[in-house]
Amino acid sequence: DGIVRINAAFAVAKLDVESTEGLEYLVQSLENRAVGTGFVNEAAERLGELGSVAKIALPTLIRLAKEPDSEETGIKRYAIIHTIQRIGPDNIGQILLGFQNDEDSFIRETVLDCLVNSGLGSEEIISAFILALYDTGELDSRAIRFTAAVGLGKLGSRATRALPDLERVAKKDENEEVRAEALNAIML
């Protein structure tokens, strides 16, 4: 059974960090679409649990995150992006920002959520949060604007240049929850 083999490889990778056998199997499981629905996500989840030890999987994970979701293989891009964040490469901010203009609003929200959780506050990330405050692309853009306000609030004084934007959103956003979160970010 594929899940058992993936979990066995995870156990090997976790117990014997000197050996790459378990890691290599997990990376191969990402590539092997023939194993069936859910196995790719299961392998990605286990790689995320390994954290920085699993950095060898990043090129494959980044490529998969750029591919469309697939019913056939069960690949879910948002899960892959969360795995990339959990592995925590040094350039996580740059990797995540590469998805900030994705056409899928759920991916854009996932990226913002990962940036919020990363605690990073570069000027480029602050700019991404500010830009996201104005996202009106789809029905669920409210979640994007809300998450952007949360991110700016968590950055506090590092994001003072966002105050005019937060004030505008606190006064004029169409959604009450977004307005409240923008106000909360201003007070932090």
C-alpha atoms as a PDB file:
ATOM      1  CA  ASP A   1       0.000   0.000   0.000  1.00  0.00           C
ATOM      2  CA  GLY A   2       1.368   3.418  -1.021  1.00  0.00           C
ATOM      3  CA  ILE A   3       0.550   5.207   2.243  1.00  0.00           C
ATOM      4  CA  VAL A   4       2.364   2.537   4.257  1.00  0.00           C
ATOM      5  CA  ARG A   5       5.458   2.833   2.036  1.00  0.00           C
ATOM      6  CA  ILE A   6       5.419   6.629   2.300  1.00  0.00           C
ATOM      7  CA  ASN A   7       5.113   6.486   6.087  1.00  0.00           C
ATOM      8  CA  ALA A   8       7.898   3.894   6.262  1.00  0.00           C
ATOM      9  CA  ALA A   9      10.142   6.167   4.180  1.00  0.00           C
ATOM     10  CA  PHE A  10       9.235   9.041   6.500  1.00  0.00           C
ATOM     11  CA  ALA A  11      10.218   6.953   9.525  1.00  0.00           C
ATOM     12  CA  VAL A  12      13.546   6.033   7.924  1.00  0.00           C
ATOM     13  CA  ALA A  13      14.236   9.685   7.050  1.00  0.00           C
ATOM     14  CA  LYS A  14      13.353  10.822  10.548  1.00  0.00           C
ATOM     15  CA  LEU A  15      15.316   8.156  12.394  1.00  0.00           C
ATOM     16  CA  ASP A  16      18.417   8.100  10.200  1.00  0.00           C
ATOM     17  CA  VAL A  17      19.238  11.627   9.066  1.00  0.00           C
ATOM     18  CA  GLU A  18      22.557  10.421   7.652  1.00  0.00           C
ATOM     19  CA  SER A  19      20.780   8.209   5.132  1.00  0.00           C
ATOM     20  CA  THR A  20      19.021   9.781   2.163  1.00  0.00           C
ATOM     21  CA  GLU A  21      17.086   6.630   1.293  1.00  0.00           C
ATOM     22  CA  GLY A  22      13.848   7.699   3.001  1.00  0.00           C
ATOM     23  CA  LEU A  23      14.050  11.233   1.654  1.00  0.00           C
ATOM     24  CA  GLU A  24      14.724  10.017  -1.862  1.00  0.00           C
ATOM     25  CA  TYR A  25      11.689   7.739  -1.745  1.00  0.00           C
ATOM     26  CA  LEU A  26       9.484  10.616  -0.575  1.00  0.00           C
ATOM     27  CA  VAL A  27      10.757  12.846  -3.389  1.00  0.00           C
ATOM     28  CA  GLN A  28      10.181  10.033  -5.897  1.00  0.00           C
ATOM     29  CA  SER A  29       6.643   9.680  -4.526  1.00  0.00           C
ATOM     30  CA  LEU A  30       6.053  13.324  -5.428  1.00  0.00           C
ATOM     31  CA  GLU A  31       7.030  12.513  -9.003  1.00  0.00           C
ATOM     32  CA  ASN A  32       5.245   9.187  -9.320  1.00  0.00           C
ATOM     33  CA  ARG A  33       1.743  10.218 -10.358  1.00  0.00           C
ATOM     34  CA  ALA A  34       0.864   6.570 -10.988  1.00  0.00           C
ATOM     35  CA  VAL A  35       0.670   5.751  -7.279  1.00  0.00           C
ATOM     36  CA  GLY A  36      -2.789   7.278  -7.124  1.00  0.00           C
ATOM     37  CA  THR A  37      -4.842   9.996  -5.538  1.00  0.00           C
ATOM     38  CA  GLY A  38      -3.571  11.320  -2.249  1.00  0.00           C
ATOM     39  CA  PHE A  39      -0.100   9.809  -2.286  1.00  0.00           C
ATOM     40  CA  VAL A  40       1.572  12.938  -3.614  1.00  0.00           C
ATOM     41  CA  ASN A  41      -0.054  15.018  -0.889  1.00  0.00           C
ATOM     42  CA  GLU A  42       0.845  12.413   1.735  1.00  0.00           C
ATOM     43  CA  ALA A  43       4.492  12.456   0.629  1.00  0.00           C
ATOM     44  CA  ALA A  44       4.474  16.270   0.677  1.00  0.00           C
ATOM     45  CA  GLU A  45       2.959  16.298   4.160  1.00  0.00           C
ATOM     46  CA  ARG A  46       5.655  13.950   5.472  1.00  0.00           C
ATOM     47  CA  LEU A  47       8.380  16.068   3.858  1.00  0.00           C
ATOM     48  CA  GLY A  48       6.934  19.123   5.606  1.00  0.00           C
ATOM     49  CA  GLU A  49       7.089  17.295   8.925  1.00  0.00           C
ATOM     50  CA  LEU A  50      10.787  16.686   8.352  1.00  0.00           C
ATOM     51  CA  GLY A  51      11.390  20.427   8.081  1.00  0.00           C
ATOM     52  CA  SER A  52      14.737  21.679   6.847  1.00  0.00           C
ATOM     53  CA  VAL A  53      16.103  18.142   6.449  1.00  0.00           C
ATOM     54  CA  ALA A  54      13.844  17.852   3.396  1.00  0.00           C
ATOM     55  CA  LYS A  55      15.373  20.740   1.445  1.00  0.00           C
ATOM     56  CA  ILE A  56      16.365  18.369  -1.365  1.00  0.00           C
ATOM     57  CA  ALA A  57      12.650  18.149  -2.229  1.00  0.00           C
ATOM     58  CA  LEU A  58      12.253  21.904  -2.810  1.00  0.00           C
ATOM     59  CA  PRO A  59      12.853  21.997  -6.597  1.00  0.00           C
ATOM     60  CA  THR A  60      10.223  19.299  -7.097  1.00  0.00           C
ATOM     61  CA  LEU A  61       7.775  20.917  -4.668  1.00  0.00           C
ATOM     62  CA  ILE A  62       8.154  24.339  -6.283  1.00  0.00           C
ATOM     63  CA  ARG A  63       7.537  22.842  -9.719  1.00  0.00           C
ATOM     64  CA  LEU A  64       4.435  20.988  -8.457  1.00  0.00           C
ATOM     65  CA  ALA A  65       3.109  24.160  -6.849  1.00  0.00           C
ATOM     66  CA  LYS A  66       3.146  25.792 -10.283  1.00  0.00           C
ATOM     67  CA  GLU A  67       1.149  22.986 -11.908  1.00  0.00           C
ATOM     68  CA  PRO A  68      -2.653  22.968 -11.854  1.00  0.00           C
ATOM     69  CA  ASP A  69      -4.454  20.995  -9.173  1.00  0.00           C
ATOM     70  CA  SER A  70      -5.207  17.511 -10.401  1.00  0.00           C
ATOM     71  CA  GLU A  71      -8.206  15.336  -9.573  1.00  0.00           C
ATOM     72  CA  GLU A  72      -6.375  12.359 -11.063  1.00  0.00           C
ATOM     73  CA  THR A  73      -3.319  12.572  -8.794  1.00  0.00           C
ATOM     74  CA  GLY A  74      -4.902  14.472  -5.923  1.00  0.00           C
ATOM     75  CA  ILE A  75      -2.268  17.220  -6.056  1.00  0.00           C
ATOM     76  CA  LYS A  76      -3.418  20.272  -4.146  1.00  0.00           C
ATOM     77  CA  ARG A  77      -1.239  23.315  -4.764  1.00  0.00           C
ATOM     78  CA  TYR A  78      -2.131  24.985  -1.475  1.00  0.00           C
ATOM     79  CA  ALA A  79      -0.886  21.915   0.427  1.00  0.00           C
ATOM     80  CA  ILE A  80       2.353  21.916  -1.559  1.00  0.00           C
ATOM     81  CA  ILE A  81       2.894  25.616  -0.771  1.00  0.00           C
ATOM     82  CA  HIS A  82       2.338  24.976   2.939  1.00  0.00           C
ATOM     83  CA  THR A  83       4.885  22.148   2.743  1.00  0.00           C
ATOM     84  CA  ILE A  84       7.437  24.489   1.183  1.00  0.00           C
ATOM     85  CA  GLN A  85       6.878  26.899   4.073  1.00  0.00           C
ATOM     86  CA  ARG A  86       7.278  24.112   6.642  1.00  0.00           C
ATOM     87  CA  ILE A  87      10.593  23.042   5.130  1.00  0.00           C
ATOM     88  CA  GLY A  88      11.631  26.648   5.597  1.00  0.00           C
ATOM     89  CA  PRO A  89      14.258  27.403   2.988  1.00  0.00           C
ATOM     90  CA  ASP A  90      16.364  30.504   3.526  1.00  0.00           C
ATOM     91  CA  ASN A  91      14.690  32.176   0.561  1.00  0.00           C
ATOM     92  CA  ILE A  92      11.117  31.310   1.595  1.00  0.00           C
ATOM     93  CA  GLY A  93       9.949  34.890   1.153  1.00  0.00           C
ATOM     94  CA  GLN A  94      11.150  34.994  -2.458  1.00  0.00           C
ATOM     95  CA  ILE A  95       9.652  31.587  -3.203  1.00  0.00           C
ATOM     96  CA  LEU A  96       6.267  32.557  -1.766  1.00  0.00           C
ATOM     97  CA  LEU A  97       6.244  35.935  -3.489  1.00  0.00           C
ATOM     98  CA  GLY A  98       6.611  34.054  -6.761  1.00  0.00           C
ATOM     99  CA  PHE A  99       2.992  32.937  -6.290  1.00  0.00           C
ATOM    100  CA  GLN A 100       1.512  36.281  -5.174  1.00  0.00           C
ATOM    101  CA  ASN A 101      -0.035  37.039  -8.565  1.00  0.00           C
ATOM    102  CA  ASP A 102      -1.463  33.573  -9.145  1.00  0.00           C
ATOM    103  CA  GLU A 103      -4.814  33.573 -10.928  1.00  0.00           C
ATOM    104  CA  ASP A 104      -6.289  31.332  -8.198  1.00  0.00           C
ATOM    105  CA  SER A 105      -7.421  33.490  -5.273  1.00  0.00           C
ATOM    106  CA  PHE A 106      -7.071  30.565  -2.850  1.00  0.00           C
ATOM    107  CA  ILE A 107      -3.396  30.271  -3.797  1.00  0.00           C
ATOM    108  CA  ARG A 108      -2.924  34.025  -3.255  1.00  0.00           C
ATOM    109  CA  GLU A 109      -4.535  33.696   0.181  1.00  0.00           C
ATOM    110  CA  THR A 110      -2.389  30.649   0.992  1.00  0.00           C
ATOM    111  CA  VAL A 111       0.757  32.597   0.067  1.00  0.00           C
ATOM    112  CA  LEU A 112      -0.260  35.500   2.317  1.00  0.00           C
ATOM    113  CA  ASP A 113      -1.063  33.109   5.153  1.00  0.00           C
ATOM    114  CA  CYS A 114       2.372  31.485   4.812  1.00  0.00           C
ATOM    115  CA  LEU A 115       4.019  34.921   4.777  1.00  0.00           C
ATOM    116  CA  VAL A 116       2.090  35.883   7.932  1.00  0.00           C
ATOM    117  CA  ASN A 117       3.249  32.689   9.640  1.00  0.00           C
ATOM    118  CA  SER A 118       6.835  33.148   8.481  1.00  0.00           C
ATOM    119  CA  GLY A 119       7.197  36.420  10.389  1.00  0.00           C
ATOM    120  CA  LEU A 120       9.243  37.879   7.554  1.00  0.00           C
ATOM    121  CA  GLY A 121       8.912  41.595   6.974  1.00  0.00           C
ATOM    122  CA  SER A 122      11.030  42.661   4.024  1.00  0.00           C
ATOM    123  CA  GLU A 123       9.965  45.704   2.032  1.00  0.00           C
ATOM    124  CA  GLU A 124       8.895  43.397  -0.773  1.00  0.00           C
ATOM    125  CA  ILE A 125       6.672  41.388   1.583  1.00  0.00           C
ATOM    126  CA  ILE A 126       5.160  44.552   3.058  1.00  0.00           C
ATOM    127  CA  SER A 127       4.438  45.714  -0.507  1.00  0.00           C
ATOM    128  CA  ALA A 128       2.746  42.370  -1.237  1.00  0.00           C
ATOM    129  CA  PHE A 129       0.524  42.779   1.843  1.00  0.00           C
ATOM    130  CA  ILE A 130      -0.363  46.353   0.836  1.00  0.00           C
ATOM    131  CA  LEU A 131      -1.204  45.278  -2.709  1.00  0.00           C
ATOM    132  CA  ALA A 132      -3.369  42.453  -1.332  1.00  0.00           C
ATOM    133  CA  LEU A 133      -5.397  44.960   0.710  1.00  0.00           C
ATOM    134  CA  TYR A 134      -6.847  46.068  -2.640  1.00  0.00           C
ATOM    135  CA  ASP A 135      -7.542  42.582  -4.061  1.00  0.00           C
ATOM    136  CA  THR A 136     -11.021  42.528  -5.569  1.00  0.00           C
ATOM    137  CA  GLY A 137     -10.538  39.852  -8.194  1.00  0.00           C
ATOM    138  CA  GLU A 138     -13.004  37.195  -7.083  1.00  0.00           C
ATOM    139  CA  LEU A 139     -15.793  36.417  -4.663  1.00  0.00           C
ATOM    140  CA  ASP A 140     -13.388  35.248  -1.980  1.00  0.00           C
ATOM    141  CA  SER A 141     -11.034  38.222  -2.224  1.00  0.00           C
ATOM    142  CA  ARG A 142     -12.344  39.239   1.216  1.00  0.00           C
ATOM    143  CA  ALA A 143     -10.164  36.504   2.748  1.00  0.00           C
ATOM    144  CA  ILE A 144      -7.138  37.859   0.888  1.00  0.00           C
ATOM    145  CA  ARG A 145      -7.715  41.405   2.144  1.00  0.00           C
ATOM    146  CA  PHE A 146      -8.331  40.114   5.678  1.00  0.00           C
ATOM    147  CA  THR A 147      -5.127  38.049   5.681  1.00  0.00           C
ATOM    148  CA  ALA A 148      -3.147  41.017   4.339  1.00  0.00           C
ATOM    149  CA  ALA A 149      -4.415  43.181   7.215  1.00  0.00           C
ATOM    150  CA  VAL A 150      -3.477  40.443   9.707  1.00  0.00           C
ATOM    151  CA  GLY A 151       0.024  40.271   8.201  1.00  0.00           C
ATOM    152  CA  LEU A 152       0.558  44.011   8.411  1.00  0.00           C
ATOM    153  CA  GLY A 153      -0.720  44.024  11.988  1.00  0.00           C
ATOM    154  CA  LYS A 154       1.728  41.290  12.977  1.00  0.00           C
ATOM    155  CA  LEU A 155       4.579  43.272  11.461  1.00  0.00           C
ATOM    156  CA  GLY A 156       3.655  46.249  13.635  1.00  0.00           C
ATOM    157  CA  SER A 157       6.134  49.107  13.461  1.00  0.00           C
ATOM    158  CA  ARG A 158       8.036  47.434  10.609  1.00  0.00           C
ATOM    159  CA  ALA A 159       5.011  48.182   8.406  1.00  0.00           C
ATOM    160  CA  THR A 160       4.388  51.848   9.261  1.00  0.00           C
ATOM    161  CA  ARG A 161       4.395  52.775   5.584  1.00  0.00           C
ATOM    162  CA  ALA A 162       1.180  50.741   5.278  1.00  0.00           C
ATOM    163  CA  LEU A 163      -0.749  52.971   7.706  1.00  0.00           C
ATOM    164  CA  PRO A 164      -2.441  55.135   5.016  1.00  0.00           C
ATOM    165  CA  ASP A 165      -3.573  51.990   3.206  1.00  0.00           C
ATOM    166  CA  LEU A 166      -4.823  50.371   6.395  1.00  0.00           C
ATOM    167  CA  GLU A 167      -6.719  53.559   7.278  1.00  0.00           C
ATOM    168  CA  ARG A 168      -8.374  53.584   3.857  1.00  0.00           C
ATOM    169  CA  VAL A 169      -9.371  49.929   4.196  1.00  0.00           C
ATOM    170  CA  ALA A 170     -10.608  50.470   7.772  1.00  0.00           C
ATOM    171  CA  LYS A 171     -12.929  53.205   6.494  1.00  0.00           C
ATOM    172  CA  LYS A 172     -13.946  52.045   3.031  1.00  0.00           C
ATOM    173  CA  ASP A 173     -13.663  48.273   2.592  1.00  0.00           C
ATOM    174  CA  GLU A 174     -16.981  46.691   1.715  1.00  0.00           C
ATOM    175  CA  ASN A 175     -16.534  43.913   4.287  1.00  0.00           C
ATOM    176  CA  GLU A 176     -17.001  44.558   8.002  1.00  0.00           C
ATOM    177  CA  GLU A 177     -14.478  41.886   9.074  1.00  0.00           C
ATOM    178  CA  VAL A 178     -11.803  43.321   6.787  1.00  0.00           C
ATOM    179  CA  ARG A 179     -12.482  46.844   8.105  1.00  0.00           C
ATOM    180  CA  ALA A 180     -12.221  45.582  11.697  1.00  0.00           C
ATOM    181  CA  GLU A 181      -8.946  43.736  11.024  1.00  0.00           C
ATOM    182  CA  ALA A 182      -7.459  46.797   9.314  1.00  0.00           C
ATOM    183  CA  LEU A 183      -8.389  48.876  12.354  1.00  0.00           C
ATOM    184  CA  ASN A 184      -6.846  46.243  14.603  1.00  0.00           C
ATOM    185  CA  ALA A 185      -3.628  46.344  12.523  1.00  0.00           C
ATOM    186  CA  ILE A 186      -3.478  50.129  12.917  1.00  0.00           C
ATOM    187  CA  MET A 187      -3.687  49.795  16.693  1.00  0.00           C
ATOM    188  CA  LEU A 188      -0.890  47.210  16.903  1.00  0.00           C
END
